[in-house]
Amino acid sequence: MARDPGRVLIFDTTLRDGEQSPGASLNLEEKLAIAQQLARLGVDVIEAGFPFASQGDFAAVHRIAEQVGIGEGPIICGLARASEKDIKTCSDAIAPAKNKRIHTFIATSDIHLKHKLKKSREEVLYIVPEMVGYAKSLVEDVEFSCEDAGRSDPEFLYEVIELAISAGASTINIPDTVGYSTPSEFGELINGINKKVPNIDEAILSVHGHNDLGLAVANFLEAIKNGARQLECTINGIGERAGNAALEELVMGLHVRRRYFNQFFGRATDSPTPLTAIRTEELTKTSRLVSNLTGMVVQPNKAIVGANAFAHESGIHQDGVLKNRLTYEIIDARTVGLTDNRISLGKLSGRSAVRARLEELGYDLNREDLNEAFARFKDLADRKRDITDRDLEAIVSEQVQQPEASYQLRLVQVSCGNSLKPTATVTIADKDGNEKSTAAVGTGPVDAVCIAINDLAGEQNELIEFSVKSVTEGIDAMGEVTIRLRRNGKLYSGHSADTDVVVAAAQAFINALNRLLAGEASLSIHPQKDVLTTEGANAGV
């Protein structure tokens, strides 16, 4: 059986595969904020990105390696195709990290070999040991993935894996790339690898899977029963198409059902030793941060972190919970960090008190960001009597969206009503601080604001999503607005929060527009859809 670390390693790919969600692109500061929170969460490995994709991706991975991959922090991993240029670039990007890993991959299914790579099985058998060996010469920790393993010929898969381990791979990842497998099939695949690959005991078996059929978490739990000891997942399950296996669901599944899963680790049924190193009380905060920064709204009925996950509407359920919470709750909400903390901060509170509370919540802002967050806090305190931790989180999560902004909102004012034409007056400033204003009429106040901003920026785009939700309860609650824009087939999202939802909408639109402009300015390739050049293929890379 594959080498067993004695628990399940959590490999988080939110910053790589998760960021490939349509419209979920993140800037450097946003990626760093998420990486820092993932470290607090206690993940074992952070796949920080695909360094060869663009200069921006390289810079983000390098910065995360410098600032998060220190001391006893998580392993910082970068993705690389099975090519010398990809692997060398990845090695350079992760170099500052104390614990670093190169994750290289190549497709192994016949459908990918024929239609994407246009290579034979024999060519792949030549490339794998050569490229894994090259990665091993640069770093000690190498992971190898057989892309589309779920649809690969098992016998060919065994051969590829054996060569990868012999060349130095210490982790072997088995991806269900298109979310095609069922739990029993995926479990059998992992079991077969454990039995048929001669040197499998020299590597840890990992799994990666997509949720196209809604089976990703179930597939992973079945894989654990058959010897998988690393799970590659994302916060909120974000990722391409229907997303990835959700980290919070996997972790809490293993936590709540530990007595059941202990047997597969050779433990006593009632062993209290956790099956992962995740600090579960950080799950809710991590979920909110990722949702805010990516613009990927968490559905209310989402397991573990959804707004309704611990709500009880049925009278029968309410009666049972009041008598004993165990009647209808299998998880204590505090276990995942869900609290209704209210802080005794108001308009008379000083910067030091606000900074101290932010640090307790896990946010480490530089002086400039703290000053801006404090100014927004004071403004909110003038309009809202009770300030909650959620209000602070909403304020701070927007701070990291400001770098690299092409435009900033200076003023927004609207007039509307049942007998008025919705009209918006907007002022924005460019990078040099030059301001310009205009007024526009729309079908509603938000439409008028968006038209005015596009007119000022001279941009054309399509607004395809506008959603609003309250941060907390009450008439004075902050409203969180998420906006998505589409141009040239690509999606860009923006998020903001304010007690005035029109102001929040204007800022969210500006944030989305800034992302659109930054995204179009940078050339980026996709690790799985952009194939190596013919020249590279002929060179064996």
Protein backbone atom coordinates (compact mmCIF):
# COMPACT_ATOMS: atom_id res chain seq x y z
CA MET A 1 0.00 0.00 0.00
CA ALA A 2 1.06 3.61 -0.64
CA ARG A 3 3.05 5.35 2.05
CA ASP A 4 0.70 6.42 4.83
CA PRO A 5 1.35 9.70 6.74
CA GLY A 6 -1.06 8.52 9.43
CA ARG A 7 -3.69 11.12 8.59
CA VAL A 8 -5.23 12.85 5.60
CA LEU A 9 -3.14 15.64 4.05
CA ILE A 10 -5.16 18.59 2.77
CA PHE A 11 -3.84 20.02 -0.49
CA ASP A 12 -5.64 23.28 -1.24
CA THR A 13 -5.85 24.34 -4.88
CA THR A 14 -8.18 27.33 -4.44
CA LEU A 15 -5.50 29.66 -5.81
CA ARG A 16 -4.84 27.51 -8.87
CA ASP A 17 -7.80 25.38 -9.95
CA GLY A 18 -10.27 27.47 -7.96
CA GLU A 19 -9.12 30.64 -9.69
CA GLN A 20 -9.91 28.99 -13.04
CA SER A 21 -13.61 29.43 -12.22
CA PRO A 22 -15.14 31.80 -14.80
CA GLY A 23 -14.86 35.33 -13.39
CA ALA A 24 -12.86 34.34 -10.32
CA SER A 25 -9.51 35.87 -11.28
CA LEU A 26 -7.58 37.30 -8.33
CA ASN A 27 -4.89 39.95 -8.12
CA LEU A 28 -1.64 39.48 -6.21
CA GLU A 29 -2.85 41.06 -2.95
CA GLU A 30 -6.03 38.99 -2.99
CA LYS A 31 -4.09 35.77 -3.55
CA LEU A 32 -1.75 36.65 -0.70
CA ALA A 33 -4.67 37.35 1.65
CA ILE A 34 -6.23 33.97 0.84
CA ALA A 35 -2.90 32.17 1.18
CA GLN A 36 -2.35 33.70 4.62
CA GLN A 37 -5.82 32.57 5.70
CA LEU A 38 -5.20 29.06 4.31
CA ALA A 39 -2.07 28.91 6.48
CA ARG A 40 -4.15 29.89 9.51
CA LEU A 41 -6.67 27.23 8.52
CA GLY A 42 -3.89 24.65 8.69
CA VAL A 43 -3.77 23.21 5.18
CA ASP A 44 -0.75 21.02 4.50
CA VAL A 45 -0.10 22.21 0.94
CA ILE A 46 -1.05 25.42 -0.88
CA GLU A 47 -1.01 25.11 -4.66
CA ALA A 48 -0.32 28.80 -5.18
CA GLY A 49 -0.71 28.88 -8.96
CA PHE A 50 0.67 28.00 -12.38
CA PRO A 51 3.85 30.13 -12.59
CA PHE A 52 4.43 29.64 -16.33
CA ALA A 53 0.95 31.04 -17.15
CA SER A 54 1.92 34.70 -16.89
CA GLN A 55 4.23 37.15 -15.14
CA GLY A 56 1.37 37.90 -12.74
CA ASP A 57 1.00 34.24 -11.80
CA PHE A 58 4.75 33.92 -11.30
CA ALA A 59 4.85 37.02 -9.08
CA ALA A 60 1.93 35.79 -6.97
CA VAL A 61 3.46 32.35 -6.39
CA HIS A 62 6.85 33.90 -5.58
CA ARG A 63 5.30 36.37 -3.11
CA ILE A 64 3.30 33.62 -1.38
CA ALA A 65 6.47 31.51 -1.15
CA GLU A 66 8.26 34.46 0.47
CA GLN A 67 5.58 35.48 2.94
CA VAL A 68 3.56 32.32 3.66
CA GLY A 69 6.05 29.51 3.01
CA ILE A 70 8.15 30.36 6.04
CA GLY A 71 8.89 28.60 9.33
CA GLU A 72 6.52 25.74 9.97
CA GLY A 73 4.02 27.02 7.41
CA PRO A 74 2.44 24.91 4.66
CA ILE A 75 4.26 23.48 1.66
CA ILE A 76 4.07 25.97 -1.23
CA CYS A 77 3.39 24.19 -4.50
CA GLY A 78 3.36 25.33 -8.10
CA LEU A 79 1.83 23.55 -11.09
CA ALA A 80 3.89 22.77 -14.19
CA ARG A 81 3.22 20.84 -17.36
CA ALA A 82 5.70 18.10 -18.20
CA SER A 83 8.11 20.49 -19.92
CA GLU A 84 11.50 21.83 -18.92
CA LYS A 85 10.47 25.49 -19.27
CA ASP A 86 7.35 25.02 -17.14
CA ILE A 87 9.23 23.08 -14.47
CA LYS A 88 12.18 25.51 -14.30
CA THR A 89 9.83 28.50 -14.07
CA CYS A 90 7.89 26.76 -11.31
CA SER A 91 11.11 26.02 -9.41
CA ASP A 92 12.16 29.68 -9.59
CA ALA A 93 8.74 30.86 -8.39
CA ILE A 94 8.60 28.64 -5.28
CA ALA A 95 12.31 29.05 -4.44
CA PRO A 96 11.86 31.32 -1.38
CA ALA A 97 9.64 28.81 0.46
CA LYS A 98 11.17 26.68 3.21
CA ASN A 99 9.04 23.71 2.11
CA LYS A 100 8.36 23.67 -1.60
CA ARG A 101 6.90 21.29 -4.18
CA ILE A 102 6.75 21.05 -7.95
CA HIS A 103 3.53 19.49 -9.20
CA THR A 104 3.95 18.32 -12.78
CA PHE A 105 1.45 16.46 -14.92
CA ILE A 106 0.64 14.93 -18.28
CA ALA A 107 -2.52 13.36 -19.66
CA THR A 108 -2.82 9.57 -19.70
CA SER A 109 -6.28 8.89 -21.15
CA ASP A 110 -6.47 7.82 -24.79
CA ILE A 111 -8.99 10.57 -25.58
CA HIS A 112 -6.55 13.25 -24.29
CA LEU A 113 -3.55 11.63 -25.97
CA LYS A 114 -5.28 11.52 -29.34
CA HIS A 115 -7.18 14.80 -29.43
CA LYS A 116 -5.21 17.13 -27.14
CA LEU A 117 -1.57 16.06 -26.84
CA LYS A 118 -1.47 14.17 -30.15
CA LYS A 119 1.04 11.78 -28.61
CA SER A 120 1.31 8.03 -28.33
CA ARG A 121 1.46 6.06 -25.10
CA GLU A 122 5.11 5.32 -25.86
CA GLU A 123 5.92 9.02 -26.03
CA VAL A 124 4.26 9.63 -22.66
CA LEU A 125 6.22 6.75 -21.12
CA TYR A 126 9.39 8.50 -22.30
CA ILE A 127 8.40 12.01 -21.14
CA VAL A 128 7.22 11.10 -17.61
CA PRO A 129 10.49 9.81 -16.08
CA GLU A 130 12.54 12.45 -17.89
CA MET A 131 10.46 15.39 -16.63
CA VAL A 132 9.87 14.01 -13.13
CA GLY A 133 13.61 13.41 -12.88
CA TYR A 134 14.31 16.97 -14.01
CA ALA A 135 11.89 18.34 -11.38
CA LYS A 136 13.58 16.15 -8.76
CA SER A 137 16.93 17.69 -9.65
CA LEU A 138 15.52 21.11 -8.71
CA VAL A 139 13.49 20.34 -5.56
CA GLU A 140 13.25 17.41 -3.18
CA ASP A 141 9.43 17.25 -3.14
CA VAL A 142 7.86 16.32 -6.49
CA GLU A 143 4.24 15.42 -7.18
CA PHE A 144 3.13 13.81 -10.43
CA SER A 145 -0.43 13.76 -11.81
CA CYS A 146 -1.94 11.54 -14.48
CA GLU A 147 -4.42 13.94 -16.02
CA ASP A 148 -7.81 12.34 -16.77
CA ALA A 149 -6.80 9.23 -14.81
CA GLY A 150 -10.47 8.43 -14.25
CA ARG A 151 -10.85 7.64 -17.98
CA SER A 152 -7.40 6.09 -18.47
CA ASP A 153 -6.62 2.42 -19.13
CA PRO A 154 -5.67 1.13 -15.65
CA GLU A 155 -2.84 -1.05 -16.96
CA PHE A 156 -1.26 1.92 -18.73
CA LEU A 157 -1.82 4.01 -15.62
CA TYR A 158 0.07 1.51 -13.46
CA GLU A 159 3.02 1.65 -15.85
CA VAL A 160 3.13 5.47 -15.88
CA ILE A 161 2.90 5.68 -12.08
CA GLU A 162 5.70 3.15 -11.57
CA LEU A 163 8.00 5.17 -13.84
CA ALA A 164 7.11 8.45 -12.08
CA ILE A 165 7.90 7.03 -8.64
CA SER A 166 11.15 5.50 -9.86
CA ALA A 167 12.13 8.93 -11.22
CA GLY A 168 11.58 10.60 -7.85
CA ALA A 169 7.89 11.48 -7.42
CA SER A 170 6.95 11.20 -3.74
CA THR A 171 3.26 11.99 -4.31
CA ILE A 172 1.12 10.46 -7.04
CA ASN A 173 -2.11 12.26 -7.84
CA ILE A 174 -5.08 10.54 -9.47
CA PRO A 175 -7.45 13.15 -10.95
CA ASP A 176 -11.05 12.62 -11.96
CA THR A 177 -10.51 15.55 -14.32
CA VAL A 178 -13.99 15.67 -15.84
CA GLY A 179 -16.00 14.46 -12.84
CA TYR A 180 -17.01 11.24 -14.60
CA SER A 181 -16.37 8.62 -11.91
CA THR A 182 -18.79 7.16 -9.38
CA PRO A 183 -17.63 6.41 -5.83
CA SER A 184 -17.34 2.63 -6.31
CA GLU A 185 -15.39 3.07 -9.57
CA PHE A 186 -13.05 5.63 -8.07
CA GLY A 187 -12.46 3.47 -5.00
CA GLU A 188 -11.66 0.49 -7.23
CA LEU A 189 -9.21 2.61 -9.25
CA ILE A 190 -7.32 3.64 -6.09
CA ASN A 191 -7.39 0.07 -4.77
CA GLY A 192 -6.03 -1.24 -8.08
CA ILE A 193 -3.14 1.22 -8.00
CA ASN A 194 -2.29 0.16 -4.47
CA LYS A 195 -2.23 -3.49 -5.49
CA LYS A 196 -0.71 -3.35 -8.98
CA VAL A 197 2.02 -0.68 -8.82
CA PRO A 198 5.14 -2.42 -7.41
CA ASN A 199 6.76 0.66 -5.83
CA ILE A 200 3.59 2.40 -4.65
CA ASP A 201 4.77 2.15 -1.03
CA GLU A 202 7.36 4.81 -1.86
CA ALA A 203 4.74 7.50 -2.54
CA ILE A 204 1.63 9.05 -1.03
CA LEU A 205 -1.53 8.59 -3.08
CA SER A 206 -3.48 11.77 -3.73
CA VAL A 207 -6.82 12.44 -5.43
CA HIS A 208 -8.19 15.43 -7.34
CA GLY A 209 -11.73 15.57 -8.65
CA HIS A 210 -14.38 17.75 -10.21
CA ASN A 211 -18.04 17.89 -9.29
CA ASP A 212 -19.74 17.61 -12.68
CA LEU A 213 -22.06 14.87 -11.40
CA GLY A 214 -22.13 16.12 -7.82
CA LEU A 215 -20.00 13.16 -6.67
CA ALA A 216 -16.60 14.70 -5.96
CA VAL A 217 -16.77 14.57 -2.14
CA ALA A 218 -18.27 11.06 -2.18
CA ASN A 219 -15.53 9.91 -4.56
CA PHE A 220 -12.83 11.29 -2.27
CA LEU A 221 -14.23 9.65 0.86
CA GLU A 222 -14.31 6.33 -0.98
CA ALA A 223 -10.72 6.94 -2.12
CA ILE A 224 -9.66 7.41 1.51
CA LYS A 225 -11.13 4.02 2.39
CA ASN A 226 -8.93 2.52 -0.34
CA GLY A 227 -5.66 4.16 0.67
CA ALA A 228 -5.66 7.76 -0.63
CA ARG A 229 -3.99 10.02 1.94
CA GLN A 230 -3.97 13.42 0.26
CA LEU A 231 -7.08 15.30 -0.91
CA GLU A 232 -6.81 18.08 -3.48
CA CYS A 233 -9.74 20.41 -2.89
CA THR A 234 -10.87 24.04 -2.84
CA ILE A 235 -12.67 26.36 -0.44
CA ASN A 236 -16.41 26.43 -1.23
CA GLY A 237 -15.73 23.83 -3.93
CA ILE A 238 -14.95 26.51 -6.53
CA GLY A 239 -13.20 25.54 -9.75
CA GLU A 240 -13.75 24.90 -13.42
CA ARG A 241 -17.27 24.02 -14.61
CA ALA A 242 -19.15 22.58 -11.60
CA GLY A 243 -16.12 23.06 -9.36
CA ASN A 244 -13.88 20.83 -7.26
CA ALA A 245 -14.40 18.73 -4.17
CA ALA A 246 -15.18 21.16 -1.33
CA LEU A 247 -12.52 21.34 1.39
CA GLU A 248 -14.97 22.19 4.16
CA GLU A 249 -17.25 19.25 3.31
CA LEU A 250 -14.38 16.77 3.24
CA VAL A 251 -12.85 18.01 6.48
CA MET A 252 -16.12 18.03 8.38
CA GLY A 253 -17.15 14.68 6.92
CA LEU A 254 -13.97 13.18 8.37
CA HIS A 255 -14.46 15.10 11.62
CA VAL A 256 -18.09 14.20 12.25
CA ARG A 257 -17.72 10.58 11.07
CA ARG A 258 -14.29 9.98 12.59
CA ARG A 259 -15.47 6.83 14.38
CA TYR A 260 -16.38 5.33 11.00
CA PHE A 261 -13.18 6.34 9.19
CA ASN A 262 -10.77 5.44 12.02
CA GLN A 263 -10.82 1.80 10.96
CA PHE A 264 -9.24 2.66 7.59
CA PHE A 265 -6.25 4.16 9.41
CA GLY A 266 -5.72 1.16 11.67
CA ARG A 267 -7.02 3.10 14.67
CA ALA A 268 -9.40 2.12 17.41
CA THR A 269 -12.96 3.13 16.58
CA ASP A 270 -13.13 5.64 19.44
CA SER A 271 -9.68 7.17 18.83
CA PRO A 272 -9.99 10.96 19.41
CA THR A 273 -7.01 11.83 17.19
CA PRO A 274 -8.15 14.15 14.35
CA LEU A 275 -7.91 12.77 10.82
CA THR A 276 -6.71 16.12 9.41
CA ALA A 277 -4.66 19.05 10.71
CA ILE A 278 -7.33 21.60 9.79
CA ARG A 279 -8.41 24.15 12.40
CA THR A 280 -12.13 23.77 11.77
CA GLU A 281 -13.05 26.98 13.60
CA GLU A 282 -11.40 28.88 10.70
CA LEU A 283 -13.65 27.31 8.02
CA THR A 284 -16.46 29.88 7.99
CA LYS A 285 -14.09 32.86 7.89
CA THR A 286 -12.05 31.26 5.09
CA SER A 287 -15.22 30.56 3.13
CA ARG A 288 -16.38 34.17 3.44
CA LEU A 289 -13.00 35.57 2.43
CA VAL A 290 -12.80 33.42 -0.70
CA SER A 291 -16.40 34.21 -1.61
CA ASN A 292 -15.87 37.96 -1.20
CA LEU A 293 -12.62 38.11 -3.16
CA THR A 294 -13.64 35.82 -6.02
CA GLY A 295 -17.23 37.05 -6.30
CA MET A 296 -18.38 33.43 -6.18
CA VAL A 297 -21.47 33.62 -3.97
CA VAL A 298 -22.04 30.66 -1.64
CA GLN A 299 -25.51 29.19 -2.12
CA PRO A 300 -27.64 29.41 1.07
CA ASN A 301 -28.15 25.64 1.26
CA LYS A 302 -24.44 24.87 0.80
CA ALA A 303 -23.24 22.25 3.29
CA ILE A 304 -21.15 23.50 6.26
CA VAL A 305 -20.75 27.15 5.21
CA GLY A 306 -24.09 28.08 3.61
CA ALA A 307 -26.30 30.68 5.31
CA ASN A 308 -28.96 28.04 5.99
CA ALA A 309 -26.59 25.27 7.10
CA PHE A 310 -27.56 25.75 10.75
CA ALA A 311 -31.02 27.31 10.29
CA HIS A 312 -34.22 25.49 11.28
CA GLU A 313 -37.51 26.58 9.70
CA SER A 314 -39.75 23.58 10.35
CA GLY A 315 -41.72 23.78 13.58
CA ILE A 316 -40.94 20.14 14.35
CA HIS A 317 -37.22 20.77 13.84
CA GLN A 318 -37.29 23.94 15.94
CA ASP A 319 -39.06 22.13 18.78
CA GLY A 320 -36.52 19.30 18.70
CA VAL A 321 -33.50 21.63 18.62
CA LEU A 322 -34.83 23.63 21.54
CA LYS A 323 -35.12 20.44 23.59
CA ASN A 324 -31.77 19.01 22.48
CA ARG A 325 -29.65 20.34 19.60
CA LEU A 326 -28.52 16.81 18.76
CA THR A 327 -32.02 15.97 17.52
CA TYR A 328 -31.42 17.83 14.25
CA GLU A 329 -27.83 19.09 14.36
CA ILE A 330 -24.81 16.84 13.82
CA ILE A 331 -22.33 19.75 13.95
CA ASP A 332 -21.94 22.42 16.61
CA ALA A 333 -21.90 25.68 14.65
CA ARG A 334 -19.03 26.92 16.82
CA THR A 335 -16.89 24.05 15.50
CA VAL A 336 -16.76 25.71 12.09
CA GLY A 337 -16.31 29.21 13.53
CA LEU A 338 -19.90 30.35 13.12
CA THR A 339 -20.61 32.86 15.90
CA ASP A 340 -22.71 35.98 16.38
CA ASN A 341 -19.96 37.97 18.06
CA ARG A 342 -20.72 41.64 18.55
CA ILE A 343 -17.84 43.93 19.39
CA SER A 344 -17.98 46.97 21.64
CA LEU A 345 -16.56 49.30 19.03
CA GLY A 346 -18.25 52.48 17.92
CA LYS A 347 -17.57 55.90 16.47
CA LEU A 348 -15.47 56.84 19.51
CA SER A 349 -13.23 53.77 19.23
CA GLY A 350 -9.61 54.35 18.30
CA ARG A 351 -7.38 52.87 15.61
CA SER A 352 -5.58 50.63 18.12
CA ALA A 353 -8.83 48.98 19.24
CA VAL A 354 -9.89 48.33 15.65
CA ARG A 355 -6.45 46.95 14.75
CA ALA A 356 -6.50 44.66 17.80
CA ARG A 357 -9.89 43.24 16.87
CA LEU A 358 -8.83 42.71 13.25
CA GLU A 359 -5.76 40.84 14.45
CA GLU A 360 -8.00 38.62 16.62
CA LEU A 361 -10.03 37.90 13.48
CA GLY A 362 -6.82 36.93 11.66
CA TYR A 363 -6.27 40.00 9.49
CA ASP A 364 -2.79 41.54 9.28
CA LEU A 365 -3.03 44.86 7.43
CA ASN A 366 -0.18 47.17 6.56
CA ARG A 367 -0.32 50.78 7.74
CA GLU A 368 -1.93 52.14 4.58
CA ASP A 369 -4.62 49.45 4.42
CA LEU A 370 -5.31 49.82 8.15
CA ASN A 371 -5.79 53.57 7.77
CA GLU A 372 -8.27 53.05 4.94
CA ALA A 373 -10.10 50.27 6.81
CA PHE A 374 -10.29 52.47 9.91
CA ALA A 375 -11.73 55.36 7.88
CA ARG A 376 -14.41 53.05 6.49
CA PHE A 377 -15.08 51.71 9.99
CA LYS A 378 -15.62 55.24 11.34
CA ASP A 379 -17.92 56.06 8.45
CA LEU A 380 -19.95 52.90 9.10
CA ALA A 381 -20.10 53.60 12.85
CA ASP A 382 -21.75 56.94 12.11
CA ARG A 383 -24.52 55.16 10.23
CA LYS A 384 -24.85 51.85 12.11
CA ARG A 385 -25.26 51.46 15.86
CA ASP A 386 -24.04 47.88 16.36
CA ILE A 387 -20.87 46.78 14.57
CA THR A 388 -20.33 43.04 14.20
CA ASP A 389 -17.36 40.91 13.22
CA ARG A 390 -19.11 40.29 9.90
CA ASP A 391 -19.24 44.04 9.27
CA LEU A 392 -15.50 44.28 9.91
CA GLU A 393 -14.83 41.32 7.63
CA ALA A 394 -16.88 42.96 4.87
CA ILE A 395 -14.84 46.15 5.22
CA VAL A 396 -11.45 44.47 5.25
CA SER A 397 -12.12 41.99 2.45
CA GLU A 398 -12.55 44.93 0.09
CA GLN A 399 -9.25 46.54 1.09
CA VAL A 400 -7.18 43.99 -0.82
CA GLN A 401 -9.11 44.69 -4.04
CA GLN A 402 -7.65 48.20 -4.36
CA PRO A 403 -4.11 47.57 -5.77
CA GLU A 404 -3.69 47.80 -9.55
CA ALA A 405 -6.96 49.76 -9.85
CA SER A 406 -7.42 51.65 -13.13
CA TYR A 407 -10.34 53.63 -11.71
CA GLN A 408 -11.60 54.67 -8.30
CA LEU A 409 -15.11 55.77 -7.37
CA ARG A 410 -15.28 59.33 -6.05
CA LEU A 411 -19.02 60.10 -6.00
CA VAL A 412 -22.31 58.43 -6.79
CA GLN A 413 -25.72 60.06 -6.47
CA VAL A 414 -29.06 58.80 -7.78
CA SER A 415 -32.64 59.97 -8.07
CA CYS A 416 -35.45 57.52 -8.70
CA GLY A 417 -39.06 56.78 -7.85
CA ASN A 418 -42.30 55.54 -9.37
CA SER A 419 -42.78 58.81 -11.28
CA LEU A 420 -39.11 59.62 -12.00
CA LYS A 421 -36.64 58.42 -14.59
CA PRO A 422 -33.81 56.70 -12.66
CA THR A 423 -30.81 59.00 -13.03
CA ALA A 424 -27.27 58.61 -11.69
CA THR A 425 -24.49 61.17 -11.36
CA VAL A 426 -21.07 59.53 -11.04
CA THR A 427 -17.52 60.81 -10.57
CA ILE A 428 -14.50 58.54 -11.03
CA ALA A 429 -10.73 59.10 -10.92
CA ASP A 430 -8.09 57.44 -13.08
CA LYS A 431 -4.64 56.20 -11.96
CA ASP A 432 -3.24 59.73 -12.09
CA GLY A 433 -6.03 61.13 -9.91
CA ASN A 434 -7.76 62.94 -12.77
CA GLU A 435 -11.49 63.14 -12.10
CA LYS A 436 -14.39 63.24 -14.53
CA SER A 437 -18.15 63.18 -14.02
CA THR A 438 -21.27 62.38 -16.00
CA ALA A 439 -24.95 61.62 -15.56
CA ALA A 440 -26.92 58.76 -17.13
CA VAL A 441 -30.48 57.45 -17.22
CA GLY A 442 -31.25 53.74 -16.83
CA THR A 443 -34.06 51.29 -16.19
CA GLY A 444 -33.24 51.56 -12.47
CA PRO A 445 -30.71 53.30 -10.22
CA VAL A 446 -28.10 50.52 -10.50
CA ASP A 447 -28.47 50.35 -14.29
CA ALA A 448 -28.02 54.13 -14.47
CA VAL A 449 -24.87 53.93 -12.32
CA CYS A 450 -23.35 51.18 -14.49
CA ILE A 451 -24.11 53.08 -17.71
CA ALA A 452 -22.50 56.21 -16.28
CA ILE A 453 -19.33 54.37 -15.22
CA ASN A 454 -18.95 52.71 -18.62
CA ASP A 455 -19.44 56.08 -20.35
CA LEU A 456 -16.74 57.68 -18.18
CA ALA A 457 -14.31 54.80 -18.70
CA GLY A 458 -15.11 54.49 -22.40
CA GLU A 459 -15.71 50.76 -21.99
CA GLN A 460 -18.25 48.33 -23.40
CA ASN A 461 -19.19 45.18 -21.52
CA GLU A 462 -22.18 43.07 -20.61
CA LEU A 463 -23.46 42.92 -17.03
CA ILE A 464 -24.62 39.32 -16.61
CA GLU A 465 -25.06 39.05 -12.84
CA PHE A 466 -26.12 41.41 -10.07
CA SER A 467 -26.77 39.97 -6.62
CA VAL A 468 -27.36 41.56 -3.22
CA LYS A 469 -27.39 39.98 0.22
CA SER A 470 -27.31 41.45 3.72
CA VAL A 471 -24.22 40.99 5.87
CA THR A 472 -26.19 40.92 9.11
CA GLU A 473 -29.80 41.32 10.24
CA GLY A 474 -31.61 44.62 10.71
CA ILE A 475 -32.73 47.61 8.71
CA ASP A 476 -29.25 49.15 8.99
CA ALA A 477 -27.44 46.04 7.75
CA MET A 478 -24.67 46.36 5.22
CA GLY A 479 -25.57 45.05 1.79
CA GLU A 480 -23.02 42.92 -0.05
CA VAL A 481 -23.19 43.33 -3.82
CA THR A 482 -21.58 41.02 -6.37
CA ILE A 483 -21.43 42.03 -10.04
CA ARG A 484 -20.15 40.04 -13.01
CA LEU A 485 -19.18 41.50 -16.34
CA ARG A 486 -18.54 39.65 -19.58
CA ARG A 487 -16.37 40.72 -22.50
CA ASN A 488 -14.93 38.61 -25.29
CA GLY A 489 -16.35 35.47 -23.68
CA LYS A 490 -14.54 36.01 -20.35
CA LEU A 491 -16.13 36.80 -16.99
CA TYR A 492 -14.88 39.30 -14.42
CA SER A 493 -16.40 39.79 -10.98
CA GLY A 494 -16.44 42.58 -8.42
CA HIS A 495 -17.64 42.73 -4.83
CA SER A 496 -18.39 45.49 -2.34
CA ALA A 497 -20.41 46.16 0.81
CA ASP A 498 -22.10 49.28 2.13
CA THR A 499 -25.22 50.26 4.07
CA ASP A 500 -26.34 51.91 0.80
CA VAL A 501 -26.71 49.14 -1.78
CA VAL A 502 -26.49 51.61 -4.69
CA VAL A 503 -23.09 52.77 -3.43
CA ALA A 504 -22.08 49.13 -2.94
CA ALA A 505 -23.22 48.36 -6.51
CA ALA A 506 -21.19 51.25 -7.92
CA GLN A 507 -18.04 50.15 -6.10
CA ALA A 508 -18.60 46.50 -7.08
CA PHE A 509 -18.94 47.56 -10.73
CA ILE A 510 -15.69 49.57 -10.49
CA ASN A 511 -13.94 46.55 -8.94
CA ALA A 512 -15.21 44.28 -11.72
CA LEU A 513 -14.18 46.79 -14.39
CA ASN A 514 -10.68 47.07 -12.88
CA ARG A 515 -10.37 43.29 -12.99
CA LEU A 516 -11.52 43.25 -16.61
CA LEU A 517 -8.91 45.82 -17.63
CA ALA A 518 -6.14 44.09 -15.66
CA GLY A 519 -7.15 40.69 -17.08
CA GLU A 520 -7.05 41.90 -20.68
CA ALA A 521 -3.69 43.56 -20.14
CA SER A 522 -2.01 40.32 -19.08
CA LEU A 523 -1.49 37.33 -21.33
CA SER A 524 -2.19 34.07 -19.52
CA ILE A 525 -2.25 30.45 -20.62
CA HIS A 526 -4.30 27.61 -19.22
CA PRO A 527 -2.31 24.66 -17.84
CA GLN A 528 -4.60 21.98 -19.22
CA LYS A 529 -5.97 23.56 -22.40
CA ASP A 530 -2.78 25.12 -23.77
CA VAL A 531 -0.71 22.31 -25.25
CA LEU A 532 3.05 22.36 -25.62
CA THR A 533 4.39 23.47 -28.97
CA THR A 534 5.46 20.95 -31.60
CA GLU A 535 9.04 22.11 -31.08
CA GLY A 536 8.81 21.35 -27.36
CA ALA A 537 7.19 17.98 -28.03
CA ASN A 538 9.94 16.97 -30.42
CA ALA A 539 12.50 17.90 -27.80
CA GLY A 540 10.90 15.45 -25.40
CA VAL A 541 9.52 18.18 -23.11
